[in-house]
């Protein structure tokens, strides 16, 4: 390139770099730091997705390993896309109402649906004092962050019906649940929503993510029924056998590694400096929230290990730490670390009681019920008991009126109401979808597809090593499938199930 051309380009670059953004308050150094924090939350959410896919990969039959992961991944992106389309606009209703925007529900949709003005404008071109465009980069990144959890909800639901639900039915369910969970998040997650402004407390969104997904998944489990070989030997392939439980254990560790980045994103930063205030508007700090998270896993892991060794059932080594986490997710912002540890110690007991009760009834679901419905509900209720009277709700800086900062208090009655709403919306959503799908496209695949495997049927994938096909060739007590009878099979479901 000629020297004159280089000089011209350099001059143009200098002129461009010297031009101030139209609204420089939108792109300060402080705002960039906050952008990075929220962006890290999206990275953490993607780590959670990876961990969940590993859990699925390790926990299904070999003939389904590819399809089980692909169905979940496609369900994730369906929920992800639907949230970008309309979900964030729905969640944002609460803030449009609190800040008295004219026609708040419609205006939020106009601003934040996929083609909305604020969803597409450049931050430096938007006046932070006009409308709802302040800290626009943060809000736009938050769409990505919450869209990940709309997708994660669909992954969790799939655990309840994997290896027997029709893919087409699951994808329809994924569209609808992404919309319903967005409405539920408006009701139950934040600080100025219809329930959160009254005092319902849920730091991590346990109600709209975990309890809702658990209710949908557990209901679908009842509709699609048991998997072949789960509780008694199937004549063609014997007992149900997991592919690789080591992968499932690694998946749990990946989830543990990803969630701290998500926790830091569940709050707002205000002056002075970078004061961290929980999304619930409770007083908290990043350090306490992270330590509560760590101790929740530790408490659950220890009790889960005790139960696992006492019952000789490996499943509680995996359920334990997750149950501990779920017991604390609603309250990482308000518990003291010693309180968190004690609450988490008892969470695996709740999961154990629920799981054993369902397995005696041959309910072929091994994660969503004991974790999300049992331990998740326990966590939502416990914060109402332990932190009764803690101030929260409203919005930082608002001094009077129905949305004044910390005008409400946590109490167990609001917790029970919020929990009931999450469970009810999950069950009703699943019931309506099941009713429609069973009478149209169908909900469950044929026995032939289930036995031969989804990978072969849908993808022409045949694995190099087939599972044992002769039940008599599996020695009783080898920990990999055979049982002396139905009672033993149910008792040892951890050996052949999930």
Protein backbone atom coordinates (compact mmCIF):
# COMPACT_ATOMS: atom_id res chain seq x y z
CA UNK A 1 0.00 0.00 0.00
CA UNK A 2 1.33 3.45 -0.94
CA UNK A 3 2.50 5.81 1.86
CA UNK A 4 -0.18 8.37 0.94
CA UNK A 5 -2.95 5.74 1.33
CA UNK A 6 -1.52 4.63 4.70
CA UNK A 7 -1.44 8.25 5.86
CA UNK A 8 -5.06 8.79 4.81
CA UNK A 9 -6.23 5.68 6.67
CA UNK A 10 -4.29 6.68 9.77
CA UNK A 11 -5.82 10.17 9.71
CA UNK A 12 -9.33 8.76 9.31
CA UNK A 13 -8.73 6.38 12.20
CA UNK A 14 -7.53 9.21 14.42
CA UNK A 15 -10.58 11.31 13.60
CA UNK A 16 -12.93 8.41 14.29
CA UNK A 17 -11.25 7.56 17.60
CA UNK A 18 -11.55 11.18 18.73
CA UNK A 19 -15.30 11.30 18.16
CA UNK A 20 -17.19 10.99 21.43
CA UNK A 21 -20.14 8.60 21.52
CA UNK A 22 -23.46 10.39 21.43
CA UNK A 23 -24.23 9.19 24.96
CA UNK A 24 -20.88 8.41 26.63
CA UNK A 25 -22.51 7.37 29.92
CA UNK A 26 -23.58 4.17 28.18
CA UNK A 27 -20.01 3.07 27.43
CA UNK A 28 -17.90 4.05 30.43
CA UNK A 29 -15.09 1.90 31.76
CA UNK A 30 -17.29 0.99 34.72
CA UNK A 31 -20.05 -0.18 32.39
CA UNK A 32 -17.60 -2.34 30.44
CA UNK A 33 -16.56 -4.07 33.67
CA UNK A 34 -20.23 -4.80 34.39
CA UNK A 35 -20.67 -6.06 30.83
CA UNK A 36 -17.85 -8.54 31.42
CA UNK A 37 -19.43 -9.72 34.67
CA UNK A 38 -22.78 -10.41 33.01
CA UNK A 39 -21.10 -11.96 29.98
CA UNK A 40 -19.30 -14.35 32.33
CA UNK A 41 -22.72 -15.41 33.57
CA UNK A 42 -23.62 -16.54 30.07
CA UNK A 43 -20.37 -18.53 29.94
CA UNK A 44 -21.27 -20.15 33.25
CA UNK A 45 -24.73 -21.03 31.91
CA UNK A 46 -23.14 -22.71 28.88
CA UNK A 47 -20.93 -24.72 31.24
CA UNK A 48 -24.13 -25.86 32.96
CA UNK A 49 -25.50 -26.95 29.58
CA UNK A 50 -22.34 -28.96 28.94
CA UNK A 51 -22.57 -30.57 32.37
CA UNK A 52 -26.22 -31.53 31.89
CA UNK A 53 -25.44 -33.08 28.51
CA UNK A 54 -22.66 -35.16 30.10
CA UNK A 55 -25.07 -36.33 32.79
CA UNK A 56 -27.50 -37.36 30.07
CA UNK A 57 -24.81 -39.07 28.00
CA UNK A 58 -23.65 -41.17 30.93
CA UNK A 59 -27.10 -42.08 32.14
CA UNK A 60 -28.88 -43.49 29.08
CA UNK A 61 -28.56 -46.79 27.22
CA UNK A 62 -25.73 -47.06 24.74
CA UNK A 63 -28.18 -47.24 21.83
CA UNK A 64 -29.51 -43.77 22.73
CA UNK A 65 -26.41 -41.77 23.62
CA UNK A 66 -26.34 -39.56 20.52
CA UNK A 67 -30.06 -38.88 20.26
CA UNK A 68 -30.47 -38.15 23.98
CA UNK A 69 -27.85 -35.40 23.72
CA UNK A 70 -29.08 -34.02 20.39
CA UNK A 71 -32.72 -33.85 21.50
CA UNK A 72 -31.70 -31.90 24.60
CA UNK A 73 -29.43 -29.59 22.60
CA UNK A 74 -32.17 -28.84 20.07
CA UNK A 75 -34.66 -28.31 22.89
CA UNK A 76 -32.17 -25.89 24.42
CA UNK A 77 -31.90 -23.82 21.25
CA UNK A 78 -35.68 -23.81 20.76
CA UNK A 79 -36.13 -22.32 24.23
CA UNK A 80 -33.16 -20.03 23.62
CA UNK A 81 -34.64 -18.65 20.40
CA UNK A 82 -38.15 -18.27 21.82
CA UNK A 83 -36.74 -16.28 24.74
CA UNK A 84 -34.93 -13.92 22.36
CA UNK A 85 -38.17 -13.60 20.40
CA UNK A 86 -40.46 -12.64 23.30
CA UNK A 87 -39.33 -14.00 26.68
CA UNK A 88 -37.21 -11.10 27.86
CA UNK A 89 -39.96 -8.64 26.93
CA UNK A 90 -42.33 -10.60 29.19
CA UNK A 91 -39.89 -10.72 32.13
CA UNK A 92 -39.27 -6.98 31.78
CA UNK A 93 -42.95 -6.17 32.30
CA UNK A 94 -42.29 -5.80 36.02
CA UNK A 95 -39.81 -2.94 35.58
CA UNK A 96 -41.98 -1.11 33.07
CA UNK A 97 -44.82 -1.19 35.58
CA UNK A 98 -42.59 -0.15 38.51
CA UNK A 99 -41.15 2.82 36.63
CA UNK A 100 -44.59 3.90 35.41
CA UNK A 101 -43.96 3.60 31.70
CA UNK A 102 -47.09 4.32 29.70
CA UNK A 103 -48.79 1.14 28.43
CA UNK A 104 -46.08 -0.89 30.22
CA UNK A 105 -46.89 -4.37 28.92
CA UNK A 106 -47.16 -3.38 25.29
CA UNK A 107 -44.21 -0.98 25.48
CA UNK A 108 -41.94 -3.64 26.95
CA UNK A 109 -42.79 -5.94 24.06
CA UNK A 110 -42.28 -3.14 21.53
CA UNK A 111 -38.86 -2.37 23.03
CA UNK A 112 -37.59 -5.88 23.72
CA UNK A 113 -39.03 -8.45 21.34
CA UNK A 114 -36.50 -9.75 18.82
CA UNK A 115 -37.16 -6.86 16.45
CA UNK A 116 -37.64 -4.26 19.18
CA UNK A 117 -35.86 -0.93 19.29
CA UNK A 118 -33.86 -1.47 22.48
CA UNK A 119 -33.02 -5.07 21.57
CA UNK A 120 -31.34 -3.81 18.38
CA UNK A 121 -30.00 -0.32 19.10
CA UNK A 122 -26.35 0.38 19.83
CA UNK A 123 -25.88 1.43 23.44
CA UNK A 124 -23.96 4.59 22.63
CA UNK A 125 -26.85 5.80 20.46
CA UNK A 126 -29.52 5.52 23.19
CA UNK A 127 -30.23 8.24 25.73
CA UNK A 128 -29.97 6.60 29.18
CA UNK A 129 -32.32 9.22 30.63
CA UNK A 130 -35.10 8.54 28.15
CA UNK A 131 -37.32 5.48 28.39
CA UNK A 132 -35.85 2.19 29.64
CA UNK A 133 -32.56 2.27 27.80
CA UNK A 134 -30.16 2.88 30.71
CA UNK A 135 -27.19 0.47 30.92
CA UNK A 136 -28.32 -0.89 27.57
CA UNK A 137 -25.34 -3.18 27.02
CA UNK A 138 -26.06 -4.88 30.35
CA UNK A 139 -29.69 -5.37 29.44
CA UNK A 140 -28.86 -6.77 26.02
CA UNK A 141 -26.36 -9.21 27.54
CA UNK A 142 -29.01 -10.18 30.07
CA UNK A 143 -31.21 -11.38 27.20
CA UNK A 144 -28.47 -13.85 26.27
CA UNK A 145 -28.06 -14.85 29.93
CA UNK A 146 -31.74 -15.53 30.58
CA UNK A 147 -32.23 -17.16 27.18
CA UNK A 148 -29.69 -19.78 28.28
CA UNK A 149 -31.93 -20.66 31.21
CA UNK A 150 -35.02 -20.84 29.01
CA UNK A 151 -33.08 -23.47 27.10
CA UNK A 152 -31.83 -25.18 30.25
CA UNK A 153 -35.42 -25.58 31.43
CA UNK A 154 -36.11 -27.63 28.31
CA UNK A 155 -33.03 -29.78 28.88
CA UNK A 156 -34.21 -30.50 32.42
CA UNK A 157 -37.71 -31.41 31.25
CA UNK A 158 -36.27 -33.91 28.78
CA UNK A 159 -34.64 -35.87 31.63
CA UNK A 160 -38.13 -36.88 32.75
CA UNK A 161 -39.13 -38.48 29.48
CA UNK A 162 -35.91 -39.29 27.64
CA UNK A 163 -35.57 -42.56 25.71
CA UNK A 164 -39.30 -42.82 25.08
CA UNK A 165 -40.77 -39.43 24.05
CA UNK A 166 -41.22 -38.61 20.37
CA UNK A 167 -38.79 -35.88 19.28
CA UNK A 168 -41.58 -33.93 17.55
CA UNK A 169 -43.64 -33.91 20.75
CA UNK A 170 -40.65 -32.76 22.80
CA UNK A 171 -39.92 -29.89 20.42
CA UNK A 172 -43.51 -28.65 20.64
CA UNK A 173 -43.29 -28.83 24.42
CA UNK A 174 -40.03 -26.85 24.29
CA UNK A 175 -41.70 -23.94 22.47
CA UNK A 176 -44.60 -23.72 24.90
CA UNK A 177 -42.58 -24.14 28.11
CA UNK A 178 -40.22 -21.35 27.05
CA UNK A 179 -43.17 -18.96 26.90
CA UNK A 180 -44.82 -20.20 30.10
CA UNK A 181 -41.57 -20.09 32.07
CA UNK A 182 -41.06 -16.49 30.90
CA UNK A 183 -44.45 -15.56 32.35
CA UNK A 184 -43.53 -17.39 35.55
CA UNK A 185 -40.23 -15.51 35.76
CA UNK A 186 -42.15 -12.23 35.55
CA UNK A 187 -44.26 -13.38 38.48
CA UNK A 188 -41.54 -14.86 40.68
CA UNK A 189 -38.04 -13.64 39.80
CA UNK A 190 -36.80 -10.12 40.35
CA UNK A 191 -37.95 -7.58 42.89
CA UNK A 192 -40.94 -5.71 41.48
CA UNK A 193 -43.00 -8.50 39.89
CA UNK A 194 -46.51 -9.37 41.09
CA UNK A 195 -45.25 -11.87 43.71
CA UNK A 196 -41.68 -10.70 44.28
CA UNK A 197 -42.77 -7.18 45.17
CA UNK A 198 -45.01 -8.61 47.89
CA UNK A 199 -42.16 -10.55 49.52
CA UNK A 200 -41.66 -13.85 47.68
CA UNK A 201 -37.91 -14.47 47.67
CA UNK A 202 -35.97 -16.47 45.09
CA UNK A 203 -32.41 -15.34 44.41
CA UNK A 204 -31.50 -17.80 41.68
CA UNK A 205 -34.91 -18.29 40.08
CA UNK A 206 -35.36 -21.75 41.55
CA UNK A 207 -39.13 -21.58 41.13
CA UNK A 208 -39.34 -20.69 37.46
CA UNK A 209 -36.31 -22.78 36.44
CA UNK A 210 -36.11 -25.86 38.65
CA UNK A 211 -39.51 -26.35 40.27
CA UNK A 212 -41.37 -25.54 37.06
CA UNK A 213 -39.17 -27.90 35.02
CA UNK A 214 -39.56 -30.57 37.69
CA UNK A 215 -43.36 -30.32 37.65
CA UNK A 216 -43.52 -30.51 33.84
CA UNK A 217 -41.04 -33.38 33.65
CA UNK A 218 -42.61 -35.45 36.42
CA UNK A 219 -46.05 -35.14 34.86
CA UNK A 220 -44.70 -36.15 31.45
CA UNK A 221 -43.02 -39.15 33.05
CA UNK A 222 -46.41 -40.43 34.15
CA UNK A 223 -47.81 -39.95 30.67
CA UNK A 224 -45.02 -41.66 28.73
CA UNK A 225 -44.65 -44.47 31.27
CA UNK A 226 -41.71 -46.65 32.24
CA UNK A 227 -38.77 -47.52 30.04
CA UNK A 228 -38.35 -51.07 28.87
CA UNK A 229 -36.10 -53.07 31.17
CA UNK A 230 -36.06 -50.51 33.97
CA UNK A 231 -37.86 -52.48 36.68
CA UNK A 232 -37.93 -55.96 35.17
CA UNK A 233 -35.96 -57.68 32.43
CA UNK A 234 -37.00 -57.19 28.84
CA UNK A 235 -37.01 -60.35 26.68
CA UNK A 236 -34.88 -58.74 23.96
CA UNK A 237 -32.14 -56.95 25.89
CA UNK A 238 -32.48 -57.82 29.57
CA UNK A 239 -32.21 -55.18 32.27
CA UNK A 240 -31.78 -51.49 31.68
CA UNK A 241 -28.09 -50.56 31.78
CA UNK A 242 -26.53 -47.09 31.81
CA UNK A 243 -23.86 -46.24 29.30
CA UNK A 244 -21.17 -44.67 31.50
CA UNK A 245 -21.86 -43.36 35.00
CA UNK A 246 -18.38 -41.86 35.16
CA UNK A 247 -19.43 -39.34 32.51
CA UNK A 248 -22.49 -38.47 34.57
CA UNK A 249 -20.27 -37.79 37.60
CA UNK A 250 -17.99 -35.56 35.51
CA UNK A 251 -21.10 -33.73 34.30
CA UNK A 252 -22.02 -32.90 37.89
CA UNK A 253 -18.53 -31.42 38.41
CA UNK A 254 -18.86 -29.30 35.24
CA UNK A 255 -22.16 -27.92 36.57
CA UNK A 256 -20.43 -27.12 39.87
CA UNK A 257 -17.72 -25.26 37.95
CA UNK A 258 -20.11 -23.19 35.84
CA UNK A 259 -22.63 -21.95 38.38
CA UNK A 260 -20.40 -19.48 40.32
CA UNK A 261 -20.24 -17.26 37.23
CA UNK A 262 -24.02 -17.39 37.03
CA UNK A 263 -24.43 -16.38 40.68
CA UNK A 264 -22.42 -13.20 40.20
CA UNK A 265 -24.85 -12.26 37.42
CA UNK A 266 -27.92 -12.55 39.68
CA UNK A 267 -27.73 -8.98 40.91
CA UNK A 268 -27.25 -5.33 40.04
CA UNK A 269 -24.33 -2.95 40.56
CA UNK A 270 -25.04 0.52 41.92
CA UNK A 271 -23.08 3.52 43.10
CA UNK A 272 -21.03 4.02 45.20
CA UNK A 273 -18.46 2.20 43.15
CA UNK A 274 -19.83 -1.23 42.39
CA UNK A 275 -22.25 -1.95 45.24
CA UNK A 276 -23.68 -5.42 44.56
CA UNK A 277 -27.39 -5.71 45.35
CA UNK A 278 -29.26 -8.97 44.84
CA UNK A 279 -31.80 -9.17 42.04
CA UNK A 280 -34.29 -9.51 44.92
CA UNK A 281 -33.05 -6.16 46.31
CA UNK A 282 -31.81 -7.84 49.49
CA UNK A 283 -28.55 -6.74 51.05
CA UNK A 284 -25.79 -9.14 50.10
CA UNK A 285 -22.24 -9.37 48.80
CA UNK A 286 -20.56 -11.41 46.10
CA UNK A 287 -18.28 -13.10 48.63
CA UNK A 288 -21.07 -14.32 50.90
CA UNK A 289 -23.20 -15.47 47.97
CA UNK A 290 -20.33 -17.53 46.53
CA UNK A 291 -19.41 -19.05 49.88
CA UNK A 292 -23.04 -20.02 50.44
CA UNK A 293 -23.00 -21.70 47.06
CA UNK A 294 -19.86 -23.66 47.95
CA UNK A 295 -21.18 -24.80 51.32
CA UNK A 296 -24.51 -25.84 49.81
CA UNK A 297 -22.71 -28.30 47.58
CA UNK A 298 -20.46 -29.47 50.40
CA UNK A 299 -23.32 -30.07 52.84
CA UNK A 300 -25.35 -31.94 50.25
CA UNK A 301 -22.38 -34.03 49.13
CA UNK A 302 -21.55 -35.17 52.66
CA UNK A 303 -25.07 -36.26 53.56
CA UNK A 304 -25.56 -37.78 50.12
CA UNK A 305 -22.43 -39.87 50.59
CA UNK A 306 -23.65 -41.15 53.96
CA UNK A 307 -26.99 -42.17 52.45
CA UNK A 308 -25.27 -43.79 49.45
CA UNK A 309 -22.99 -45.94 51.60
CA UNK A 310 -25.81 -46.87 53.96
CA UNK A 311 -28.13 -47.91 51.13
CA UNK A 312 -25.40 -49.17 48.78
CA UNK A 313 -26.96 -47.06 46.04
CA UNK A 314 -24.60 -44.90 44.03
CA UNK A 315 -27.31 -42.51 42.91
CA UNK A 316 -27.21 -40.57 46.18
CA UNK A 317 -23.57 -39.64 45.62
CA UNK A 318 -24.84 -37.67 42.60
CA UNK A 319 -28.17 -36.51 43.98
CA UNK A 320 -26.62 -35.35 47.27
CA UNK A 321 -24.55 -32.35 46.13
CA UNK A 322 -27.25 -31.28 43.67
CA UNK A 323 -29.89 -31.46 46.40
CA UNK A 324 -27.69 -29.31 48.62
CA UNK A 325 -27.31 -26.77 45.85
CA UNK A 326 -31.06 -26.65 45.20
CA UNK A 327 -31.78 -26.14 48.89
CA UNK A 328 -29.71 -22.95 48.82
CA UNK A 329 -30.40 -21.55 45.35
CA UNK A 330 -33.32 -19.37 46.50
CA UNK A 331 -31.27 -17.84 49.32
CA UNK A 332 -27.56 -17.60 48.49
CA UNK A 333 -27.94 -13.84 48.88
CA UNK A 334 -29.44 -13.79 52.40
CA UNK A 335 -28.16 -16.84 54.28
CA UNK A 336 -25.14 -16.69 56.50
CA UNK A 337 -22.68 -19.41 55.47
CA UNK A 338 -23.25 -21.51 58.60
CA UNK A 339 -27.00 -21.37 57.98
CA UNK A 340 -26.52 -22.48 54.41
CA UNK A 341 -24.42 -25.45 55.45
CA UNK A 342 -27.01 -26.66 57.96
CA UNK A 343 -29.90 -26.29 55.51
CA UNK A 344 -27.93 -28.18 52.84
CA UNK A 345 -27.10 -31.05 55.19
CA UNK A 346 -30.77 -32.04 55.35
CA UNK A 347 -31.59 -31.58 51.65
CA UNK A 348 -30.43 -35.07 50.55
CA UNK A 349 -32.68 -36.59 53.21
CA UNK A 350 -35.65 -34.85 51.58
CA UNK A 351 -34.54 -36.11 48.16
CA UNK A 352 -34.01 -39.63 49.55
CA UNK A 353 -37.49 -39.84 51.06
CA UNK A 354 -39.13 -38.62 47.86
CA UNK A 355 -37.05 -40.88 45.61
CA UNK A 356 -37.61 -44.04 47.63
CA UNK A 357 -41.34 -43.36 47.73
CA UNK A 358 -41.52 -42.97 43.95
CA UNK A 359 -39.33 -46.00 43.23
CA UNK A 360 -41.54 -48.27 45.31
CA UNK A 361 -44.27 -47.24 42.89
CA UNK A 362 -42.03 -47.83 39.87
CA UNK A 363 -42.13 -44.19 38.82
CA UNK A 364 -39.41 -44.10 36.17
CA UNK A 365 -37.99 -40.67 36.94
CA UNK A 366 -34.72 -40.33 38.82
CA UNK A 367 -33.72 -36.65 38.91
CA UNK A 368 -36.51 -34.12 38.55
CA UNK A 369 -38.72 -35.39 41.38
CA UNK A 370 -36.17 -35.86 44.16
CA UNK A 371 -34.13 -32.81 43.17
CA UNK A 372 -36.40 -30.13 41.77
CA UNK A 373 -39.78 -30.93 43.28
CA UNK A 374 -38.50 -32.21 46.64
CA UNK A 375 -35.18 -30.48 47.39
CA UNK A 376 -36.14 -27.40 45.37
CA UNK A 377 -39.40 -26.97 47.27
CA UNK A 378 -37.58 -27.56 50.55
CA UNK A 379 -35.17 -24.74 49.69
CA UNK A 380 -37.92 -22.27 48.82
CA UNK A 381 -39.76 -23.01 52.07
CA UNK A 382 -36.67 -22.95 54.28
CA UNK A 383 -35.67 -19.41 53.29
CA UNK A 384 -39.09 -18.27 54.45
CA UNK A 385 -38.51 -19.88 57.84
CA UNK A 386 -34.84 -19.05 58.40
CA UNK A 387 -34.91 -15.51 57.00
CA UNK A 388 -38.41 -14.47 58.02
CA UNK A 389 -38.47 -10.67 58.32
CA UNK A 390 -35.48 -9.94 56.07
CA UNK A 391 -36.20 -6.77 54.02
CA UNK A 392 -36.32 -7.05 50.22
CA UNK A 393 -38.38 -6.05 47.13
CA UNK A 394 -38.85 -2.70 45.43
CA UNK A 395 -35.96 -1.07 43.61
CA UNK A 396 -32.75 0.59 44.75
CA UNK A 397 -33.11 4.37 45.06
CA UNK A 398 -36.92 4.43 45.14
CA UNK A 399 -37.83 5.98 48.50
CA UNK A 400 -41.63 5.84 48.58
CA UNK A 401 -44.65 4.22 47.01
CA UNK A 402 -45.49 0.58 46.27
CA UNK A 403 -42.04 -0.08 44.80
CA UNK A 404 -39.91 1.57 47.50
CA UNK A 405 -36.58 -0.09 48.13
CA UNK A 406 -36.88 -3.03 50.60
CA UNK A 407 -40.46 -2.20 51.55
CA UNK A 408 -41.46 -5.88 51.91
CA UNK A 409 -40.12 -8.76 54.02
CA UNK A 410 -39.50 -12.45 53.49
CA UNK A 411 -42.02 -14.74 55.14
CA UNK A 412 -42.98 -18.37 54.71
CA UNK A 413 -46.52 -17.61 53.53
CA UNK A 414 -45.30 -15.78 50.44
CA UNK A 415 -42.81 -18.60 49.85
CA UNK A 416 -45.59 -21.18 49.92
CA UNK A 417 -47.69 -19.10 47.53
CA UNK A 418 -44.83 -18.67 45.05
CA UNK A 419 -44.01 -22.37 45.26
CA UNK A 420 -47.65 -23.32 44.64
CA UNK A 421 -47.79 -21.06 41.58
CA UNK A 422 -44.63 -22.62 40.09
CA UNK A 423 -45.83 -26.19 40.68
CA UNK A 424 -49.34 -25.46 39.38
CA UNK A 425 -48.09 -23.77 36.21
CA UNK A 426 -45.79 -26.72 35.56
CA UNK A 427 -48.46 -29.38 36.05
CA UNK A 428 -51.12 -27.49 34.07
CA UNK A 429 -48.73 -26.84 31.18
CA UNK A 430 -47.75 -30.50 31.02
CA UNK A 431 -51.34 -31.70 31.36
CA UNK A 432 -52.63 -29.51 28.53
CA UNK A 433 -49.73 -30.38 26.22
CA UNK A 434 -50.02 -34.10 26.97
CA UNK A 435 -53.75 -34.06 26.28
CA UNK A 436 -53.24 -32.40 22.89
CA UNK A 437 -50.18 -34.38 21.79
CA UNK A 438 -51.59 -37.77 22.74
CA UNK A 439 -54.53 -37.06 20.43
CA UNK A 440 -52.52 -35.67 17.53
CA UNK A 441 -48.89 -36.55 16.85
CA UNK A 442 -48.54 -38.96 19.77
CA UNK A 443 -46.31 -38.68 22.82
CA UNK A 444 -44.37 -41.95 23.10
CA UNK A 445 -42.41 -43.85 20.48
CA UNK A 446 -43.25 -47.45 19.62
CA UNK A 447 -41.72 -50.31 21.58
CA UNK A 448 -39.67 -51.28 18.54
CA UNK A 449 -38.02 -47.83 18.42
CA UNK A 450 -37.40 -47.88 22.15
CA UNK A 451 -35.85 -51.35 22.15
CA UNK A 452 -33.70 -50.98 19.02
CA UNK A 453 -32.63 -47.48 20.07
CA UNK A 454 -33.23 -43.89 18.98
CA UNK A 455 -29.77 -43.65 17.41
CA UNK A 456 -30.50 -46.46 14.96
CA UNK A 457 -34.05 -45.39 14.19
CA UNK A 458 -33.60 -41.63 13.73
CA UNK A 459 -29.96 -41.35 12.68
CA UNK A 460 -28.88 -44.74 11.27
CA UNK A 461 -26.17 -44.78 13.92
CA UNK A 462 -25.12 -48.26 15.05
CA UNK A 463 -22.64 -48.39 17.90
CA UNK A 464 -19.59 -50.61 17.79
CA UNK A 465 -20.40 -52.43 21.02
CA UNK A 466 -23.94 -53.62 21.65
CA UNK A 467 -25.31 -54.10 25.18
CA UNK A 468 -25.73 -57.56 26.67
CA UNK A 469 -28.77 -59.20 25.05
CA UNK A 470 -29.01 -62.36 27.11
CA UNK A 471 -30.36 -61.66 30.62
CA UNK A 472 -29.21 -65.06 31.86
CA UNK A 473 -25.60 -64.21 31.00
CA UNK A 474 -25.51 -61.42 33.57
CA UNK A 475 -24.48 -62.79 36.93
CA UNK A 476 -26.67 -61.73 39.87
CA UNK A 477 -25.02 -59.20 42.13
CA UNK A 478 -22.49 -57.96 39.59
CA UNK A 479 -23.83 -54.43 39.96
CA UNK A 480 -24.74 -54.12 36.30
CA UNK A 481 -28.25 -55.22 35.88
CA UNK A 482 -29.51 -58.63 36.94
CA UNK A 483 -31.74 -59.04 39.92
CA UNK A 484 -33.37 -61.83 41.84
CA UNK A 485 -36.85 -60.44 41.29
CA UNK A 486 -39.03 -57.41 41.06
CA UNK A 487 -38.50 -56.35 44.66
CA UNK A 488 -34.73 -56.56 44.28
CA UNK A 489 -34.87 -54.65 41.02
CA UNK A 490 -36.74 -51.79 42.61
CA UNK A 491 -34.45 -51.77 45.61
CA UNK A 492 -31.37 -51.68 43.40
CA UNK A 493 -32.74 -49.18 40.91
CA UNK A 494 -29.59 -47.14 41.43
CA UNK A 495 -27.68 -49.97 39.79
CA UNK A 496 -29.82 -50.17 36.68
CA UNK A 497 -31.47 -46.76 36.59
CA UNK A 498 -30.32 -43.22 37.02
